[in-house]
Amino acid sequence: MIASRTTPKGAAGGAAPPFVALLGLLALAACGPPVPVSADVAARIDGADVPYARFEAFLRRQVGEGAGGLDSGVLSRLFDQFLGEELLARLAAEEGAATPGSGSRRAVDALLGGADAEPAEGEIRAWYEAHRAELALPERVVLRQILVPDGELAEAASRRVAAGEPFAAVARALSTDPSAEDGGLQGEIALEDLPAAFAQRIAALAPGEVAEPIEASDGWHLFQVEAKLPARERPLEEAAAEIADRLRRERADALLARRVAEAADRYNVVVFAQNLPFEYRGDHASAPVPEGP
């Protein structure tokens, strides 16, 4: 015997009750095509559109007019940084730390209040003990430079110095380097930070000596060593201010990362990669759609 299907009580001829039909219509409406996104929208944060023009303004603040030469990886990181500021602006407004529209930088500063507090003396000393080698100063030179565009001028400068004219005076007269007003003074420079072709010549000079002109891609260089400074370890008293600045930056960076992560968890972020003029590969990229079996 085949069992007969029981018709729900109150249903006529097997038709679904009116409220069931209504739910079905609502479900169909929810599954309809998505609302098109304007081509000038780069992202959406918690339902609010973020125009690409805001990212362009951010880029100008960060890199000036040189953004056109950046690759997709760098632009993706910058876009994530931009989204981080947008998230923090929303978080700051919600917490009352900044007013809506006051600007992302002001919001970041408001959320990081207290991160610039002076580190304790014990904290500075502990960091110093753990990083003595990193704080040590390498072998350095106090250097002056004359930069000229061609070999003929370089030889003329060399002859004037050899004839007894002060190197600084010749630098003021002939050098095209921005340091010319200061007599070509470059200050203390670690030998390891100099290009190899320069370091080898400069390392062989005694204080007061001038190297023969050296040709490079930006012109011809003459160097005079004013003093040679040996490598040495820095005492805590000398390094304390630098350590305090570093600890404040580290504290601010850690707090910033925590607050960005908190905002990202609180607000839904959607990036419209199709509207970006680069291949977005950042933290908010959509997960790839899994392939079927």
C-alpha atoms as a PDB file:
ATOM      1  CA  MET A   1       0.000   0.000   0.000  1.00  0.00           C
ATOM      2  CA  ILE A   2       1.246   3.434  -0.826  1.00  0.00           C
ATOM      3  CA  ALA A   3       0.886   5.922   2.051  1.00  0.00           C
ATOM      4  CA  SER A   4      -1.064   9.042   1.195  1.00  0.00           C
ATOM      5  CA  ARG A   5       0.485  12.513   1.871  1.00  0.00           C
ATOM      6  CA  THR A   6      -1.379  14.398   4.591  1.00  0.00           C
ATOM      7  CA  THR A   7      -2.544  17.868   3.671  1.00  0.00           C
ATOM      8  CA  PRO A   8      -1.705  20.482   6.369  1.00  0.00           C
ATOM      9  CA  LYS A   9      -4.673  21.521   8.408  1.00  0.00           C
ATOM     10  CA  GLY A  10      -6.293  24.666   7.046  1.00  0.00           C
ATOM     11  CA  ALA A  11      -4.698  24.323   3.571  1.00  0.00           C
ATOM     12  CA  ALA A  12      -6.992  23.995   0.599  1.00  0.00           C
ATOM     13  CA  GLY A  13      -5.891  21.709  -2.185  1.00  0.00           C
ATOM     14  CA  GLY A  14      -2.283  21.555  -0.846  1.00  0.00           C
ATOM     15  CA  ALA A  15      -1.623  25.305  -1.336  1.00  0.00           C
ATOM     16  CA  ALA A  16       0.871  26.903   1.083  1.00  0.00           C
ATOM     17  CA  PRO A  17      -0.526  29.265   3.728  1.00  0.00           C
ATOM     18  CA  PRO A  18      -0.278  32.990   2.822  1.00  0.00           C
ATOM     19  CA  PHE A  19       2.548  33.716   5.323  1.00  0.00           C
ATOM     20  CA  VAL A  20       4.639  30.878   3.826  1.00  0.00           C
ATOM     21  CA  ALA A  21       4.206  32.341   0.357  1.00  0.00           C
ATOM     22  CA  LEU A  22       5.246  35.772   1.659  1.00  0.00           C
ATOM     23  CA  LEU A  23       8.423  34.336   3.189  1.00  0.00           C
ATOM     24  CA  GLY A  24       9.213  32.706  -0.121  1.00  0.00           C
ATOM     25  CA  LEU A  25       8.847  36.007  -1.970  1.00  0.00           C
ATOM     26  CA  LEU A  26      11.114  37.733   0.542  1.00  0.00           C
ATOM     27  CA  ALA A  27      13.733  35.014   0.119  1.00  0.00           C
ATOM     28  CA  LEU A  28      13.629  35.417  -3.655  1.00  0.00           C
ATOM     29  CA  ALA A  29      14.046  39.177  -3.299  1.00  0.00           C
ATOM     30  CA  ALA A  30      17.074  38.699  -1.036  1.00  0.00           C
ATOM     31  CA  CYS A  31      18.696  36.427  -3.617  1.00  0.00           C
ATOM     32  CA  GLY A  32      18.221  38.947  -6.409  1.00  0.00           C
ATOM     33  CA  PRO A  33      21.091  40.599  -8.315  1.00  0.00           C
ATOM     34  CA  PRO A  34      23.408  42.811  -6.187  1.00  0.00           C
ATOM     35  CA  VAL A  35      23.061  46.569  -6.389  1.00  0.00           C
ATOM     36  CA  PRO A  36      25.693  47.878  -8.847  1.00  0.00           C
ATOM     37  CA  VAL A  37      28.686  49.644  -7.299  1.00  0.00           C
ATOM     38  CA  SER A  38      29.721  53.009  -8.698  1.00  0.00           C
ATOM     39  CA  ALA A  39      33.060  52.891 -10.520  1.00  0.00           C
ATOM     40  CA  ASP A  40      34.490  55.620  -8.254  1.00  0.00           C
ATOM     41  CA  VAL A  41      33.963  53.591  -5.052  1.00  0.00           C
ATOM     42  CA  ALA A  42      37.158  51.904  -3.871  1.00  0.00           C
ATOM     43  CA  ALA A  43      35.777  50.207  -0.780  1.00  0.00           C
ATOM     44  CA  ARG A  44      32.847  50.050   1.599  1.00  0.00           C
ATOM     45  CA  ILE A  45      33.239  50.206   5.385  1.00  0.00           C
ATOM     46  CA  ASP A  46      30.221  49.097   7.366  1.00  0.00           C
ATOM     47  CA  GLY A  47      27.966  50.037   4.475  1.00  0.00           C
ATOM     48  CA  ALA A  48      29.512  53.476   3.852  1.00  0.00           C
ATOM     49  CA  ASP A  49      31.168  54.042   0.463  1.00  0.00           C
ATOM     50  CA  VAL A  50      34.831  55.098   0.386  1.00  0.00           C
ATOM     51  CA  PRO A  51      35.568  56.995  -2.867  1.00  0.00           C
ATOM     52  CA  TYR A  52      38.803  56.295  -4.712  1.00  0.00           C
ATOM     53  CA  ALA A  53      39.462  60.057  -4.688  1.00  0.00           C
ATOM     54  CA  ARG A  54      40.134  59.832  -0.934  1.00  0.00           C
ATOM     55  CA  PHE A  55      42.821  57.232  -1.562  1.00  0.00           C
ATOM     56  CA  GLU A  56      44.348  59.486  -4.234  1.00  0.00           C
ATOM     57  CA  ALA A  57      44.564  62.301  -1.676  1.00  0.00           C
ATOM     58  CA  PHE A  58      46.183  59.887   0.777  1.00  0.00           C
ATOM     59  CA  LEU A  59      48.742  58.882  -1.873  1.00  0.00           C
ATOM     60  CA  ARG A  60      49.646  62.506  -2.531  1.00  0.00           C
ATOM     61  CA  ARG A  61      50.310  63.007   1.173  1.00  0.00           C
ATOM     62  CA  GLN A  62      52.462  59.880   1.363  1.00  0.00           C
ATOM     63  CA  VAL A  63      54.459  59.846  -1.883  1.00  0.00           C
ATOM     64  CA  GLY A  64      53.714  63.127  -3.646  1.00  0.00           C
ATOM     65  CA  GLU A  65      53.247  62.812  -7.393  1.00  0.00           C
ATOM     66  CA  GLY A  66      55.398  59.680  -7.735  1.00  0.00           C
ATOM     67  CA  ALA A  67      52.627  57.114  -7.201  1.00  0.00           C
ATOM     68  CA  GLY A  68      52.523  56.273 -10.908  1.00  0.00           C
ATOM     69  CA  GLY A  69      55.821  54.400 -10.629  1.00  0.00           C
ATOM     70  CA  LEU A  70      54.762  52.151  -7.736  1.00  0.00           C
ATOM     71  CA  ASP A  71      54.026  48.477  -8.318  1.00  0.00           C
ATOM     72  CA  SER A  72      50.875  46.650  -7.225  1.00  0.00           C
ATOM     73  CA  GLY A  73      52.494  45.230  -4.089  1.00  0.00           C
ATOM     74  CA  VAL A  74      53.465  48.665  -2.768  1.00  0.00           C
ATOM     75  CA  LEU A  75      50.116  50.177  -3.748  1.00  0.00           C
ATOM     76  CA  SER A  76      48.302  47.321  -2.004  1.00  0.00           C
ATOM     77  CA  ARG A  77      50.206  48.020   1.231  1.00  0.00           C
ATOM     78  CA  LEU A  78      49.477  51.733   0.933  1.00  0.00           C
ATOM     79  CA  PHE A  79      45.801  51.001   0.299  1.00  0.00           C
ATOM     80  CA  ASP A  80      45.696  48.855   3.452  1.00  0.00           C
ATOM     81  CA  GLN A  81      47.314  51.708   5.387  1.00  0.00           C
ATOM     82  CA  PHE A  82      44.682  54.059   3.976  1.00  0.00           C
ATOM     83  CA  LEU A  83      41.887  51.692   4.991  1.00  0.00           C
ATOM     84  CA  GLY A  84      43.447  51.480   8.445  1.00  0.00           C
ATOM     85  CA  GLU A  85      43.176  55.249   8.813  1.00  0.00           C
ATOM     86  CA  GLU A  86      39.572  55.157   7.574  1.00  0.00           C
ATOM     87  CA  LEU A  87      38.745  52.460  10.126  1.00  0.00           C
ATOM     88  CA  LEU A  88      40.394  54.404  12.922  1.00  0.00           C
ATOM     89  CA  ALA A  89      38.487  57.565  11.968  1.00  0.00           C
ATOM     90  CA  ARG A  90      35.205  55.654  12.314  1.00  0.00           C
ATOM     91  CA  LEU A  91      36.334  54.092  15.591  1.00  0.00           C
ATOM     92  CA  ALA A  92      37.447  57.450  17.009  1.00  0.00           C
ATOM     93  CA  ALA A  93      34.116  59.047  16.102  1.00  0.00           C
ATOM     94  CA  GLU A  94      32.188  56.179  17.686  1.00  0.00           C
ATOM     95  CA  GLU A  95      34.213  56.428  20.893  1.00  0.00           C
ATOM     96  CA  GLY A  96      33.871  60.217  21.007  1.00  0.00           C
ATOM     97  CA  ALA A  97      37.626  60.707  20.641  1.00  0.00           C
ATOM     98  CA  ALA A  98      37.160  62.711  17.431  1.00  0.00           C
ATOM     99  CA  THR A  99      34.228  64.243  15.601  1.00  0.00           C
ATOM    100  CA  PRO A 100      33.013  62.728  12.298  1.00  0.00           C
ATOM    101  CA  GLY A 101      34.772  64.395   9.383  1.00  0.00           C
ATOM    102  CA  SER A 102      37.629  65.746  11.502  1.00  0.00           C
ATOM    103  CA  GLY A 103      40.170  63.855   9.409  1.00  0.00           C
ATOM    104  CA  SER A 104      41.830  60.458   9.664  1.00  0.00           C
ATOM    105  CA  ARG A 105      45.145  61.817  10.971  1.00  0.00           C
ATOM    106  CA  ARG A 106      43.441  63.650  13.827  1.00  0.00           C
ATOM    107  CA  ALA A 107      41.509  60.471  14.624  1.00  0.00           C
ATOM    108  CA  VAL A 108      44.714  58.435  14.734  1.00  0.00           C
ATOM    109  CA  ASP A 109      46.319  60.979  17.063  1.00  0.00           C
ATOM    110  CA  ALA A 110      43.255  60.890  19.323  1.00  0.00           C
ATOM    111  CA  LEU A 111      43.278  57.107  19.563  1.00  0.00           C
ATOM    112  CA  LEU A 112      47.003  57.024  20.314  1.00  0.00           C
ATOM    113  CA  GLY A 113      46.794  59.479  23.184  1.00  0.00           C
ATOM    114  CA  GLY A 114      49.165  58.436  25.950  1.00  0.00           C
ATOM    115  CA  ALA A 115      51.412  56.370  23.687  1.00  0.00           C
ATOM    116  CA  ASP A 116      54.007  59.163  23.777  1.00  0.00           C
ATOM    117  CA  ALA A 117      54.385  59.069  27.565  1.00  0.00           C
ATOM    118  CA  GLU A 118      57.999  59.135  28.747  1.00  0.00           C
ATOM    119  CA  PRO A 119      59.399  55.595  29.206  1.00  0.00           C
ATOM    120  CA  ALA A 120      60.532  54.694  32.710  1.00  0.00           C
ATOM    121  CA  GLU A 121      64.262  54.830  33.489  1.00  0.00           C
ATOM    122  CA  GLY A 122      64.318  51.084  34.128  1.00  0.00           C
ATOM    123  CA  GLU A 123      62.705  50.413  30.744  1.00  0.00           C
ATOM    124  CA  ILE A 124      65.349  52.521  28.991  1.00  0.00           C
ATOM    125  CA  ARG A 125      68.174  50.769  30.843  1.00  0.00           C
ATOM    126  CA  ALA A 126      66.778  47.299  30.034  1.00  0.00           C
ATOM    127  CA  TRP A 127      66.543  48.162  26.334  1.00  0.00           C
ATOM    128  CA  TYR A 128      70.094  49.515  26.393  1.00  0.00           C
ATOM    129  CA  GLU A 129      71.493  46.334  27.949  1.00  0.00           C
ATOM    130  CA  ALA A 130      69.704  44.195  25.347  1.00  0.00           C
ATOM    131  CA  HIS A 131      70.888  46.272  22.358  1.00  0.00           C
ATOM    132  CA  ARG A 132      74.425  47.456  23.207  1.00  0.00           C
ATOM    133  CA  ALA A 133      75.883  46.112  19.969  1.00  0.00           C
ATOM    134  CA  GLU A 134      73.154  47.756  17.895  1.00  0.00           C
ATOM    135  CA  LEU A 135      73.851  51.132  19.535  1.00  0.00           C
ATOM    136  CA  ALA A 136      77.626  50.995  19.019  1.00  0.00           C
ATOM    137  CA  LEU A 137      79.110  53.515  16.601  1.00  0.00           C
ATOM    138  CA  PRO A 138      81.198  52.179  13.676  1.00  0.00           C
ATOM    139  CA  GLU A 139      84.346  53.789  12.299  1.00  0.00           C
ATOM    140  CA  ARG A 140      83.423  57.219  10.936  1.00  0.00           C
ATOM    141  CA  VAL A 141      84.929  60.203   9.141  1.00  0.00           C
ATOM    142  CA  VAL A 142      84.128  63.915   9.212  1.00  0.00           C
ATOM    143  CA  LEU A 143      83.953  64.683   5.514  1.00  0.00           C
ATOM    144  CA  ARG A 144      83.825  67.630   3.114  1.00  0.00           C
ATOM    145  CA  GLN A 145      82.849  67.289  -0.534  1.00  0.00           C
ATOM    146  CA  ILE A 146      83.072  69.242  -3.777  1.00  0.00           C
ATOM    147  CA  LEU A 147      80.703  68.082  -6.543  1.00  0.00           C
ATOM    148  CA  VAL A 148      81.139  69.416 -10.098  1.00  0.00           C
ATOM    149  CA  PRO A 149      79.553  68.320 -13.398  1.00  0.00           C
ATOM    150  CA  ASP A 150      82.690  67.480 -15.423  1.00  0.00           C
ATOM    151  CA  GLY A 151      86.295  66.371 -15.169  1.00  0.00           C
ATOM    152  CA  GLU A 152      87.722  69.722 -16.279  1.00  0.00           C
ATOM    153  CA  LEU A 153      86.098  71.535 -13.337  1.00  0.00           C
ATOM    154  CA  ALA A 154      87.163  68.730 -11.014  1.00  0.00           C
ATOM    155  CA  GLU A 155      90.796  69.179 -12.047  1.00  0.00           C
ATOM    156  CA  ALA A 156      90.503  72.947 -11.618  1.00  0.00           C
ATOM    157  CA  ALA A 157      89.122  72.471  -8.093  1.00  0.00           C
ATOM    158  CA  SER A 158      91.874  69.981  -7.291  1.00  0.00           C
ATOM    159  CA  ARG A 159      94.581  72.407  -8.443  1.00  0.00           C
ATOM    160  CA  ARG A 160      93.172  75.264  -6.351  1.00  0.00           C
ATOM    161  CA  VAL A 161      93.161  73.094  -3.222  1.00  0.00           C
ATOM    162  CA  ALA A 162      96.675  71.821  -3.970  1.00  0.00           C
ATOM    163  CA  ALA A 163      97.849  75.434  -4.320  1.00  0.00           C
ATOM    164  CA  GLY A 164      96.776  76.107  -0.732  1.00  0.00           C
ATOM    165  CA  GLU A 165      93.248  77.503  -1.124  1.00  0.00           C
ATOM    166  CA  PRO A 166      91.010  76.192   1.669  1.00  0.00           C
ATOM    167  CA  PHE A 167      88.875  73.248   0.583  1.00  0.00           C
ATOM    168  CA  ALA A 168      85.770  74.927   2.069  1.00  0.00           C
ATOM    169  CA  ALA A 169      86.357  78.085   0.007  1.00  0.00           C
ATOM    170  CA  VAL A 170      86.700  76.099  -3.222  1.00  0.00           C
ATOM    171  CA  ALA A 171      83.530  74.198  -2.345  1.00  0.00           C
ATOM    172  CA  ARG A 172      81.615  77.454  -1.889  1.00  0.00           C
ATOM    173  CA  ALA A 173      82.925  78.717  -5.226  1.00  0.00           C
ATOM    174  CA  LEU A 174      82.515  75.654  -7.441  1.00  0.00           C
ATOM    175  CA  SER A 175      80.438  72.875  -5.841  1.00  0.00           C
ATOM    176  CA  THR A 176      76.906  72.172  -7.036  1.00  0.00           C
ATOM    177  CA  ASP A 177      76.115  70.069  -3.961  1.00  0.00           C
ATOM    178  CA  PRO A 178      73.544  71.543  -1.480  1.00  0.00           C
ATOM    179  CA  SER A 179      76.329  71.537   1.134  1.00  0.00           C
ATOM    180  CA  ALA A 180      78.309  74.168  -0.824  1.00  0.00           C
ATOM    181  CA  GLU A 181      77.149  77.004   1.467  1.00  0.00           C
ATOM    182  CA  ASP A 182      78.646  75.087   4.421  1.00  0.00           C
ATOM    183  CA  GLY A 183      81.946  74.599   2.615  1.00  0.00           C
ATOM    184  CA  GLY A 184      80.969  71.113   1.467  1.00  0.00           C
ATOM    185  CA  LEU A 185      80.654  69.801   5.036  1.00  0.00           C
ATOM    186  CA  GLN A 186      78.924  66.395   5.130  1.00  0.00           C
ATOM    187  CA  GLY A 187      79.262  65.804   8.873  1.00  0.00           C
ATOM    188  CA  GLU A 188      80.046  62.436  10.464  1.00  0.00           C
ATOM    189  CA  ILE A 189      79.572  59.520   8.065  1.00  0.00           C
ATOM    190  CA  ALA A 190      80.202  55.840   8.728  1.00  0.00           C
ATOM    191  CA  LEU A 191      82.578  54.351   6.190  1.00  0.00           C
ATOM    192  CA  GLU A 192      80.249  51.366   5.842  1.00  0.00           C
ATOM    193  CA  ASP A 193      77.464  53.706   4.689  1.00  0.00           C
ATOM    194  CA  LEU A 194      79.487  55.117   1.786  1.00  0.00           C
ATOM    195  CA  PRO A 195      79.467  53.626  -1.731  1.00  0.00           C
ATOM    196  CA  ALA A 196      82.320  51.140  -2.032  1.00  0.00           C
ATOM    197  CA  ALA A 197      84.164  53.217  -4.650  1.00  0.00           C
ATOM    198  CA  PHE A 198      84.164  56.222  -2.299  1.00  0.00           C
ATOM    199  CA  ALA A 199      84.838  54.327   0.942  1.00  0.00           C
ATOM    200  CA  GLN A 200      88.028  52.726  -0.371  1.00  0.00           C
ATOM    201  CA  ARG A 201      89.565  56.075  -1.375  1.00  0.00           C
ATOM    202  CA  ILE A 202      88.386  57.924   1.744  1.00  0.00           C
ATOM    203  CA  ALA A 203      89.586  55.210   4.144  1.00  0.00           C
ATOM    204  CA  ALA A 204      93.135  55.666   2.778  1.00  0.00           C
ATOM    205  CA  LEU A 205      93.199  59.411   3.547  1.00  0.00           C
ATOM    206  CA  ALA A 206      94.746  60.946   6.650  1.00  0.00           C
ATOM    207  CA  PRO A 207      92.990  63.884   8.311  1.00  0.00           C
ATOM    208  CA  GLY A 208      93.404  66.983   6.131  1.00  0.00           C
ATOM    209  CA  GLU A 209      94.161  65.032   2.940  1.00  0.00           C
ATOM    210  CA  VAL A 210      92.130  65.339  -0.258  1.00  0.00           C
ATOM    211  CA  ALA A 211      91.333  62.444  -2.591  1.00  0.00           C
ATOM    212  CA  GLU A 212      91.903  62.594  -6.327  1.00  0.00           C
ATOM    213  CA  PRO A 213      88.696  63.451  -8.263  1.00  0.00           C
ATOM    214  CA  ILE A 214      86.302  60.492  -8.527  1.00  0.00           C
ATOM    215  CA  GLU A 215      83.807  60.182 -11.388  1.00  0.00           C
ATOM    216  CA  ALA A 216      80.295  58.998 -10.511  1.00  0.00           C
ATOM    217  CA  SER A 217      76.855  58.976 -12.128  1.00  0.00           C
ATOM    218  CA  ASP A 218      75.974  62.403 -10.679  1.00  0.00           C
ATOM    219  CA  GLY A 219      79.256  64.149 -11.534  1.00  0.00           C
ATOM    220  CA  TRP A 220      82.824  64.387 -10.240  1.00  0.00           C
ATOM    221  CA  HIS A 221      83.563  64.287  -6.496  1.00  0.00           C
ATOM    222  CA  LEU A 222      86.465  65.598  -4.448  1.00  0.00           C
ATOM    223  CA  PHE A 223      86.607  64.574  -0.784  1.00  0.00           C
ATOM    224  CA  GLN A 224      88.571  65.931   2.138  1.00  0.00           C
ATOM    225  CA  VAL A 225      88.747  64.079   5.451  1.00  0.00           C
ATOM    226  CA  GLU A 226      88.685  66.501   8.385  1.00  0.00           C
ATOM    227  CA  ALA A 227      88.833  63.849  11.098  1.00  0.00           C
ATOM    228  CA  LYS A 228      88.730  60.089  11.603  1.00  0.00           C
ATOM    229  CA  LEU A 229      86.652  58.708  14.442  1.00  0.00           C
ATOM    230  CA  PRO A 230      87.206  55.141  15.728  1.00  0.00           C
ATOM    231  CA  ALA A 231      84.418  52.666  16.387  1.00  0.00           C
ATOM    232  CA  ARG A 232      83.213  52.766  19.979  1.00  0.00           C
ATOM    233  CA  GLU A 233      80.449  51.681  22.315  1.00  0.00           C
ATOM    234  CA  ARG A 234      78.023  54.396  23.372  1.00  0.00           C
ATOM    235  CA  PRO A 235      77.342  54.886  27.097  1.00  0.00           C
ATOM    236  CA  LEU A 236      73.769  54.822  28.359  1.00  0.00           C
ATOM    237  CA  GLU A 237      73.785  58.567  29.047  1.00  0.00           C
ATOM    238  CA  GLU A 238      74.559  59.305  25.395  1.00  0.00           C
ATOM    239  CA  ALA A 239      71.997  56.888  23.979  1.00  0.00           C
ATOM    240  CA  ALA A 240      69.138  57.430  26.476  1.00  0.00           C
ATOM    241  CA  ALA A 241      67.240  60.053  24.431  1.00  0.00           C
ATOM    242  CA  GLU A 242      67.417  57.934  21.271  1.00  0.00           C
ATOM    243  CA  ILE A 243      66.232  54.848  23.178  1.00  0.00           C
ATOM    244  CA  ALA A 244      63.311  56.779  24.684  1.00  0.00           C
ATOM    245  CA  ASP A 245      62.232  57.948  21.216  1.00  0.00           C
ATOM    246  CA  ARG A 246      62.437  54.393  19.891  1.00  0.00           C
ATOM    247  CA  LEU A 247      60.415  52.996  22.786  1.00  0.00           C
ATOM    248  CA  ARG A 248      57.710  55.628  22.227  1.00  0.00           C
ATOM    249  CA  ARG A 249      57.532  54.720  18.533  1.00  0.00           C
ATOM    250  CA  GLU A 250      57.355  51.001  19.308  1.00  0.00           C
ATOM    251  CA  ARG A 251      54.599  51.599  21.864  1.00  0.00           C
ATOM    252  CA  ALA A 252      52.638  53.758  19.402  1.00  0.00           C
ATOM    253  CA  ASP A 253      53.056  51.203  16.581  1.00  0.00           C
ATOM    254  CA  ALA A 254      51.836  48.358  18.800  1.00  0.00           C
ATOM    255  CA  LEU A 255      48.829  50.359  19.990  1.00  0.00           C
ATOM    256  CA  LEU A 256      48.034  51.410  16.429  1.00  0.00           C
ATOM    257  CA  ALA A 257      48.121  47.789  15.216  1.00  0.00           C
ATOM    258  CA  ARG A 258      45.797  46.695  18.047  1.00  0.00           C
ATOM    259  CA  ARG A 259      43.299  49.449  17.377  1.00  0.00           C
ATOM    260  CA  VAL A 260      43.272  48.819  13.608  1.00  0.00           C
ATOM    261  CA  ALA A 261      42.655  45.111  14.249  1.00  0.00           C
ATOM    262  CA  GLU A 262      39.859  46.013  16.670  1.00  0.00           C
ATOM    263  CA  ALA A 263      38.235  48.318  14.104  1.00  0.00           C
ATOM    264  CA  ALA A 264      38.579  45.720  11.328  1.00  0.00           C
ATOM    265  CA  ASP A 265      36.782  43.180  13.533  1.00  0.00           C
ATOM    266  CA  ARG A 266      34.054  45.666  14.407  1.00  0.00           C
ATOM    267  CA  TYR A 267      33.318  47.050  10.929  1.00  0.00           C
ATOM    268  CA  ASN A 268      32.771  45.071   7.760  1.00  0.00           C
ATOM    269  CA  VAL A 269      35.285  46.024   5.044  1.00  0.00           C
ATOM    270  CA  VAL A 270      34.691  45.259   1.371  1.00  0.00           C
ATOM    271  CA  VAL A 271      37.286  46.235  -1.246  1.00  0.00           C
ATOM    272  CA  PHE A 272      36.046  46.657  -4.820  1.00  0.00           C
ATOM    273  CA  ALA A 273      39.219  45.520  -6.513  1.00  0.00           C
ATOM    274  CA  GLN A 274      37.651  45.916  -9.945  1.00  0.00           C
ATOM    275  CA  ASN A 275      37.578  49.691  -9.358  1.00  0.00           C
ATOM    276  CA  LEU A 276      41.267  49.967  -8.467  1.00  0.00           C
ATOM    277  CA  PRO A 277      43.834  50.776 -11.196  1.00  0.00           C
ATOM    278  CA  PHE A 278      46.235  48.168  -9.786  1.00  0.00           C
ATOM    279  CA  GLU A 279      46.067  44.506  -8.799  1.00  0.00           C
ATOM    280  CA  TYR A 280      45.026  44.588  -5.154  1.00  0.00           C
ATOM    281  CA  ARG A 281      46.737  41.913  -3.028  1.00  0.00           C
ATOM    282  CA  GLY A 282      46.244  43.356   0.425  1.00  0.00           C
ATOM    283  CA  ASP A 283      44.771  42.189   3.725  1.00  0.00           C
ATOM    284  CA  HIS A 284      41.171  42.768   2.638  1.00  0.00           C
ATOM    285  CA  ALA A 285      41.324  40.909  -0.672  1.00  0.00           C
ATOM    286  CA  SER A 286      38.394  38.548  -1.199  1.00  0.00           C
ATOM    287  CA  ALA A 287      39.160  34.909  -0.556  1.00  0.00           C
ATOM    288  CA  PRO A 288      39.300  32.849  -3.779  1.00  0.00           C
ATOM    289  CA  VAL A 289      36.132  30.985  -4.628  1.00  0.00           C
ATOM    290  CA  PRO A 290      36.761  27.252  -4.060  1.00  0.00           C
ATOM    291  CA  GLU A 291      36.575  25.110  -7.158  1.00  0.00           C
ATOM    292  CA  GLY A 292      33.998  22.393  -7.430  1.00  0.00           C
ATOM    293  CA  PRO A 293      34.841  18.676  -7.220  1.00  0.00           C
END
